[in-house]
Every structure is written in C-alpha cells, then in structure tokens.
Amino acid sequence: TDIDNIAVFEDPATANVVAPSIVIRGPGTTIPTTGNPALPADFYSATALSSGEYSLDGGASWKALASAATGSGTISWSGTSRTGNVYILASDFAALPEGSTQVLLRAGNATATYQSPWPYTIVKDTRGPTLSLNMPASSVITSAQWSSGISGSIADAAFNANAVNLRL
C-alpha cells in the first residue's frame, strides 16, 4: 500500500477554549486593614489576556481590577501573563462593611473565555475597639478599690477582641 503525506493545519478561526488561570501569592486573605489592600494575584493564559475582573456580589456583576491602591489605573492585558498586585476600586473598598468580605477574581482571554472565579478575602477594620470600665467608677483609685480589682469590657464592631493590655 502507498502512504500519502499527511499535513495538519491549525484553523486560525478556531477559538482557544482554554480558560486563563490565576495564581494567588500568599494565604488568600488580607490581614485586617484600614485601606484598600493589594491583592497579590498573577494571571496567565495560553492566548492573550483581555481582562482581569472582580465581583463583590458572588459573581452577579463584575468590574475591572485597578493597578493602584487608589483604585485607579488601567491594567494592560495584552500579553499572556500579568504579574503583580491588583486592587478593587477605592469606592468599593470604602463601601465594604467592617469585617470579612469575599472578593471573587477572574481573568478573561481574547476569546472571551473566563476561568472559574477565584475567591479572596478582604478584612476591613477601620474602627478601633471600644473600652468600658465598670470598676472603679472614678478616675482616682483608692487602696480599698484596688483590692476589689478593675473590671470592664472591650468590644470591636468587626472582630472578637481576644486580648486586653492594661498599664498602670
């Protein structure tokens, strides 16, 4: 039998359906912060990246990631990788409630193929704890009051306070 030559050609009109990927550098959560935190996320794709987005509502809506902590700055998504920190919009950070909020990150490529959203947790803590002293009732402590001890409470709107330091 005769064997003819076989040639394989890639059809340039066929879309690359491989979704991009995200690599989170670090634990996947921020320490409690008062300002818009850096999200250490690197983006990769077999084809050119076209977007990096975040969602604060479980994926119902998406916004473009920013390149600066001020929540501004356009990110260039022209290559197959983008490394470095990204940020949510400053106005979105300001509107977050105190405590933990899950942010979903995703990347898109030139064929509008998106990866599954990647969760990241932002911990916002812009208010300090409150301290309430019950005993002694006055700011001057007598020796009789001292033997009774000092009592009070500490509270934090976003977190459970687990330590109190007292200096006399």
C-alpha atoms as a PDB file:
ATOM      1  CA  THR A   1       0.000   0.000   0.000  1.00  0.00           C
ATOM      2  CA  ASP A   2       1.064   3.514  -0.706  1.00  0.00           C
ATOM      3  CA  ILE A   3       1.012   6.142   2.049  1.00  0.00           C
ATOM      4  CA  ASP A   4       0.424   9.719   1.077  1.00  0.00           C
ATOM      5  CA  ASN A   5       1.871  12.609   3.001  1.00  0.00           C
ATOM      6  CA  ILE A   6      -0.455  13.932   5.666  1.00  0.00           C
ATOM      7  CA  ALA A   7      -0.418  17.564   6.676  1.00  0.00           C
ATOM      8  CA  VAL A   8      -2.123  19.006   9.750  1.00  0.00           C
ATOM      9  CA  PHE A   9      -3.077  22.663   9.731  1.00  0.00           C
ATOM     10  CA  GLU A  10      -4.366  24.723  12.615  1.00  0.00           C
ATOM     11  CA  ASP A  11      -7.522  26.576  11.758  1.00  0.00           C
ATOM     12  CA  PRO A  12      -6.915  30.174  12.934  1.00  0.00           C
ATOM     13  CA  ALA A  13     -10.674  30.708  13.151  1.00  0.00           C
ATOM     14  CA  THR A  14     -11.000  28.036  15.846  1.00  0.00           C
ATOM     15  CA  ALA A  15     -11.210  29.663  19.257  1.00  0.00           C
ATOM     16  CA  ASN A  16      -8.918  28.675  22.093  1.00  0.00           C
ATOM     17  CA  VAL A  17     -11.342  27.475  24.737  1.00  0.00           C
ATOM     18  CA  VAL A  18      -8.734  27.011  27.454  1.00  0.00           C
ATOM     19  CA  ALA A  19      -9.576  29.413  30.238  1.00  0.00           C
ATOM     20  CA  PRO A  20      -6.905  31.623  31.799  1.00  0.00           C
ATOM     21  CA  SER A  21      -5.622  30.880  35.288  1.00  0.00           C
ATOM     22  CA  ILE A  22      -4.909  32.923  38.397  1.00  0.00           C
ATOM     23  CA  VAL A  23      -2.208  32.240  40.976  1.00  0.00           C
ATOM     24  CA  ILE A  24      -2.712  33.861  44.371  1.00  0.00           C
ATOM     25  CA  ARG A  25       0.596  34.606  46.088  1.00  0.00           C
ATOM     26  CA  GLY A  26       0.019  34.248  49.816  1.00  0.00           C
ATOM     27  CA  PRO A  27      -2.711  32.972  52.119  1.00  0.00           C
ATOM     28  CA  GLY A  28      -5.751  34.188  50.143  1.00  0.00           C
ATOM     29  CA  THR A  29      -6.787  36.732  52.752  1.00  0.00           C
ATOM     30  CA  THR A  30      -5.583  40.127  53.924  1.00  0.00           C
ATOM     31  CA  ILE A  31      -4.700  40.997  57.481  1.00  0.00           C
ATOM     32  CA  PRO A  32      -7.167  43.499  58.965  1.00  0.00           C
ATOM     33  CA  THR A  33      -6.652  46.711  57.032  1.00  0.00           C
ATOM     34  CA  THR A  34      -7.899  50.277  57.074  1.00  0.00           C
ATOM     35  CA  GLY A  35      -7.039  50.935  53.418  1.00  0.00           C
ATOM     36  CA  ASN A  36      -7.594  49.284  50.048  1.00  0.00           C
ATOM     37  CA  PRO A  37      -5.286  46.233  50.201  1.00  0.00           C
ATOM     38  CA  ALA A  38      -3.084  44.839  47.463  1.00  0.00           C
ATOM     39  CA  LEU A  39      -4.416  41.559  46.096  1.00  0.00           C
ATOM     40  CA  PRO A  40      -1.331  39.512  45.161  1.00  0.00           C
ATOM     41  CA  ALA A  41      -2.684  37.778  42.043  1.00  0.00           C
ATOM     42  CA  ASP A  42      -0.847  36.684  38.905  1.00  0.00           C
ATOM     43  CA  PHE A  43      -2.791  35.997  35.696  1.00  0.00           C
ATOM     44  CA  TYR A  44      -1.789  33.556  32.921  1.00  0.00           C
ATOM     45  CA  SER A  45      -3.339  32.444  29.627  1.00  0.00           C
ATOM     46  CA  ALA A  46      -2.333  30.362  26.598  1.00  0.00           C
ATOM     47  CA  THR A  47      -3.657  33.228  24.457  1.00  0.00           C
ATOM     48  CA  ALA A  48      -3.587  36.949  25.116  1.00  0.00           C
ATOM     49  CA  LEU A  49      -5.285  38.084  28.290  1.00  0.00           C
ATOM     50  CA  SER A  50      -8.102  40.552  27.756  1.00  0.00           C
ATOM     51  CA  SER A  51      -9.319  41.380  31.257  1.00  0.00           C
ATOM     52  CA  GLY A  52      -8.984  40.912  34.985  1.00  0.00           C
ATOM     53  CA  GLU A  53     -12.133  41.461  36.990  1.00  0.00           C
ATOM     54  CA  TYR A  54     -13.575  41.250  40.492  1.00  0.00           C
ATOM     55  CA  SER A  55     -17.010  40.732  41.981  1.00  0.00           C
ATOM     56  CA  LEU A  56     -18.265  41.663  45.441  1.00  0.00           C
ATOM     57  CA  ASP A  57     -21.732  40.145  44.970  1.00  0.00           C
ATOM     58  CA  GLY A  58     -20.969  36.467  44.420  1.00  0.00           C
ATOM     59  CA  GLY A  59     -20.414  36.823  40.667  1.00  0.00           C
ATOM     60  CA  ALA A  60     -23.651  38.614  39.756  1.00  0.00           C
ATOM     61  CA  SER A  61     -21.693  41.605  38.430  1.00  0.00           C
ATOM     62  CA  TRP A  62     -18.050  42.214  37.507  1.00  0.00           C
ATOM     63  CA  LYS A  63     -15.761  45.275  37.478  1.00  0.00           C
ATOM     64  CA  ALA A  64     -12.278  45.817  36.059  1.00  0.00           C
ATOM     65  CA  LEU A  65      -9.387  45.470  38.514  1.00  0.00           C
ATOM     66  CA  ALA A  66      -7.239  48.555  39.143  1.00  0.00           C
ATOM     67  CA  SER A  67      -3.445  48.842  39.169  1.00  0.00           C
ATOM     68  CA  ALA A  68      -3.136  51.218  42.155  1.00  0.00           C
ATOM     69  CA  ALA A  69      -4.296  51.284  45.775  1.00  0.00           C
ATOM     70  CA  THR A  70      -6.238  54.449  44.986  1.00  0.00           C
ATOM     71  CA  GLY A  71      -8.496  52.175  42.964  1.00  0.00           C
ATOM     72  CA  SER A  72      -7.427  53.769  39.722  1.00  0.00           C
ATOM     73  CA  GLY A  73      -5.053  52.915  36.926  1.00  0.00           C
ATOM     74  CA  THR A  74      -5.762  50.854  33.856  1.00  0.00           C
ATOM     75  CA  ILE A  75      -4.083  47.456  33.617  1.00  0.00           C
ATOM     76  CA  SER A  76      -2.592  46.331  30.312  1.00  0.00           C
ATOM     77  CA  TRP A  77      -3.931  42.868  29.482  1.00  0.00           C
ATOM     78  CA  SER A  78      -2.214  42.480  26.096  1.00  0.00           C
ATOM     79  CA  GLY A  79       0.202  39.616  26.868  1.00  0.00           C
ATOM     80  CA  THR A  80      -0.217  36.036  28.032  1.00  0.00           C
ATOM     81  CA  SER A  81       0.723  36.872  31.614  1.00  0.00           C
ATOM     82  CA  ARG A  82       0.332  39.696  34.092  1.00  0.00           C
ATOM     83  CA  THR A  83       2.066  39.517  37.460  1.00  0.00           C
ATOM     84  CA  GLY A  84       1.891  41.912  40.360  1.00  0.00           C
ATOM     85  CA  ASN A  85      -0.669  43.316  42.726  1.00  0.00           C
ATOM     86  CA  VAL A  86      -4.175  44.328  41.694  1.00  0.00           C
ATOM     87  CA  TYR A  87      -6.818  46.324  43.552  1.00  0.00           C
ATOM     88  CA  ILE A  88     -10.563  46.804  43.733  1.00  0.00           C
ATOM     89  CA  LEU A  89     -11.953  50.303  43.175  1.00  0.00           C
ATOM     90  CA  ALA A  90     -11.386  52.617  46.152  1.00  0.00           C
ATOM     91  CA  SER A  91     -15.091  53.495  46.227  1.00  0.00           C
ATOM     92  CA  ASP A  92     -15.949  49.790  46.518  1.00  0.00           C
ATOM     93  CA  PHE A  93     -13.496  49.336  49.403  1.00  0.00           C
ATOM     94  CA  ALA A  94     -14.992  52.382  51.167  1.00  0.00           C
ATOM     95  CA  ALA A  95     -18.487  50.872  50.809  1.00  0.00           C
ATOM     96  CA  LEU A  96     -17.496  47.482  52.279  1.00  0.00           C
ATOM     97  CA  PRO A  97     -18.834  46.691  55.751  1.00  0.00           C
ATOM     98  CA  GLU A  98     -16.440  46.176  58.631  1.00  0.00           C
ATOM     99  CA  GLY A  99     -15.119  42.609  58.817  1.00  0.00           C
ATOM    100  CA  SER A 100     -14.541  39.955  56.173  1.00  0.00           C
ATOM    101  CA  THR A 101     -15.792  40.221  52.602  1.00  0.00           C
ATOM    102  CA  GLN A 102     -15.208  37.654  49.884  1.00  0.00           C
ATOM    103  CA  VAL A 103     -13.934  39.062  46.595  1.00  0.00           C
ATOM    104  CA  LEU A 104     -14.091  36.864  43.502  1.00  0.00           C
ATOM    105  CA  LEU A 105     -11.325  37.317  40.930  1.00  0.00           C
ATOM    106  CA  ARG A 106     -11.384  36.103  37.348  1.00  0.00           C
ATOM    107  CA  ALA A 107      -9.385  36.546  34.162  1.00  0.00           C
ATOM    108  CA  GLY A 108     -10.565  36.567  30.576  1.00  0.00           C
ATOM    109  CA  ASN A 109      -8.670  35.946  27.358  1.00  0.00           C
ATOM    110  CA  ALA A 110      -9.052  37.286  23.852  1.00  0.00           C
ATOM    111  CA  THR A 111     -11.691  34.662  23.015  1.00  0.00           C
ATOM    112  CA  ALA A 112     -13.876  35.805  25.939  1.00  0.00           C
ATOM    113  CA  THR A 113     -13.193  32.590  27.822  1.00  0.00           C
ATOM    114  CA  TYR A 114     -13.211  33.151  31.580  1.00  0.00           C
ATOM    115  CA  GLN A 115     -11.805  30.951  34.271  1.00  0.00           C
ATOM    116  CA  SER A 116     -13.872  29.923  37.267  1.00  0.00           C
ATOM    117  CA  PRO A 117     -13.857  32.744  39.841  1.00  0.00           C
ATOM    118  CA  TRP A 118     -11.093  32.581  42.443  1.00  0.00           C
ATOM    119  CA  PRO A 119     -12.060  33.665  45.999  1.00  0.00           C
ATOM    120  CA  TYR A 120     -10.005  36.125  48.025  1.00  0.00           C
ATOM    121  CA  THR A 121     -10.996  37.585  51.387  1.00  0.00           C
ATOM    122  CA  ILE A 122     -10.551  41.244  52.316  1.00  0.00           C
ATOM    123  CA  VAL A 123     -10.707  42.046  56.041  1.00  0.00           C
ATOM    124  CA  LYS A 124     -11.720  45.665  56.618  1.00  0.00           C
ATOM    125  CA  ASP A 125     -11.145  47.133  60.086  1.00  0.00           C
ATOM    126  CA  THR A 126     -11.318  50.932  60.094  1.00  0.00           C
ATOM    127  CA  ARG A 127     -12.667  51.418  63.622  1.00  0.00           C
ATOM    128  CA  GLY A 128     -10.755  50.742  66.802  1.00  0.00           C
ATOM    129  CA  PRO A 129     -12.192  48.745  69.679  1.00  0.00           C
ATOM    130  CA  THR A 130     -14.152  50.406  72.478  1.00  0.00           C
ATOM    131  CA  LEU A 131     -13.245  50.074  76.142  1.00  0.00           C
ATOM    132  CA  SER A 132     -15.681  50.420  79.008  1.00  0.00           C
ATOM    133  CA  LEU A 133     -14.530  50.398  82.652  1.00  0.00           C
ATOM    134  CA  ASN A 134     -17.114  49.335  85.224  1.00  0.00           C
ATOM    135  CA  MET A 135     -14.921  49.452  88.290  1.00  0.00           C
ATOM    136  CA  PRO A 136     -13.575  51.708  89.574  1.00  0.00           C
ATOM    137  CA  ALA A 137     -16.243  54.263  88.755  1.00  0.00           C
ATOM    138  CA  SER A 138     -13.918  57.260  89.169  1.00  0.00           C
ATOM    139  CA  SER A 139     -10.515  58.002  87.700  1.00  0.00           C
ATOM    140  CA  VAL A 140      -8.914  58.002  91.170  1.00  0.00           C
ATOM    141  CA  ILE A 141      -8.391  54.572  92.683  1.00  0.00           C
ATOM    142  CA  THR A 142      -8.115  54.191  96.456  1.00  0.00           C
ATOM    143  CA  SER A 143      -6.393  51.269  98.105  1.00  0.00           C
ATOM    144  CA  ALA A 144      -9.819  49.850  99.047  1.00  0.00           C
ATOM    145  CA  GLN A 145     -10.915  49.932  95.393  1.00  0.00           C
ATOM    146  CA  TRP A 146      -7.637  48.433  94.265  1.00  0.00           C
ATOM    147  CA  SER A 147      -8.252  45.339  96.349  1.00  0.00           C
ATOM    148  CA  SER A 148     -11.601  44.946  94.588  1.00  0.00           C
ATOM    149  CA  GLY A 149      -9.887  44.894  91.212  1.00  0.00           C
ATOM    150  CA  ILE A 150     -10.557  46.557  87.924  1.00  0.00           C
ATOM    151  CA  SER A 151     -13.333  45.352  85.652  1.00  0.00           C
ATOM    152  CA  GLY A 152     -14.712  46.353  82.314  1.00  0.00           C
ATOM    153  CA  SER A 153     -15.219  45.188  78.776  1.00  0.00           C
ATOM    154  CA  ILE A 154     -13.756  45.640  75.339  1.00  0.00           C
ATOM    155  CA  ALA A 155     -15.639  45.312  72.056  1.00  0.00           C
ATOM    156  CA  ASP A 156     -14.874  45.569  68.370  1.00  0.00           C
ATOM    157  CA  ALA A 157     -17.596  46.013  65.759  1.00  0.00           C
ATOM    158  CA  ALA A 158     -15.863  43.739  63.252  1.00  0.00           C
ATOM    159  CA  PHE A 159     -13.929  41.252  65.346  1.00  0.00           C
ATOM    160  CA  ASN A 160     -13.925  39.466  68.653  1.00  0.00           C
ATOM    161  CA  ALA A 161     -11.435  41.164  70.931  1.00  0.00           C
ATOM    162  CA  ASN A 162      -9.287  38.472  72.495  1.00  0.00           C
ATOM    163  CA  ALA A 163      -6.732  40.442  74.483  1.00  0.00           C
ATOM    164  CA  VAL A 164      -6.573  43.450  76.753  1.00  0.00           C
ATOM    165  CA  ASN A 165      -3.346  45.114  77.860  1.00  0.00           C
ATOM    166  CA  LEU A 166      -3.540  47.240  80.989  1.00  0.00           C
ATOM    167  CA  ARG A 167      -0.816  49.612  82.091  1.00  0.00           C
ATOM    168  CA  LEU A 168      -0.914  51.315  85.479  1.00  0.00           C
END
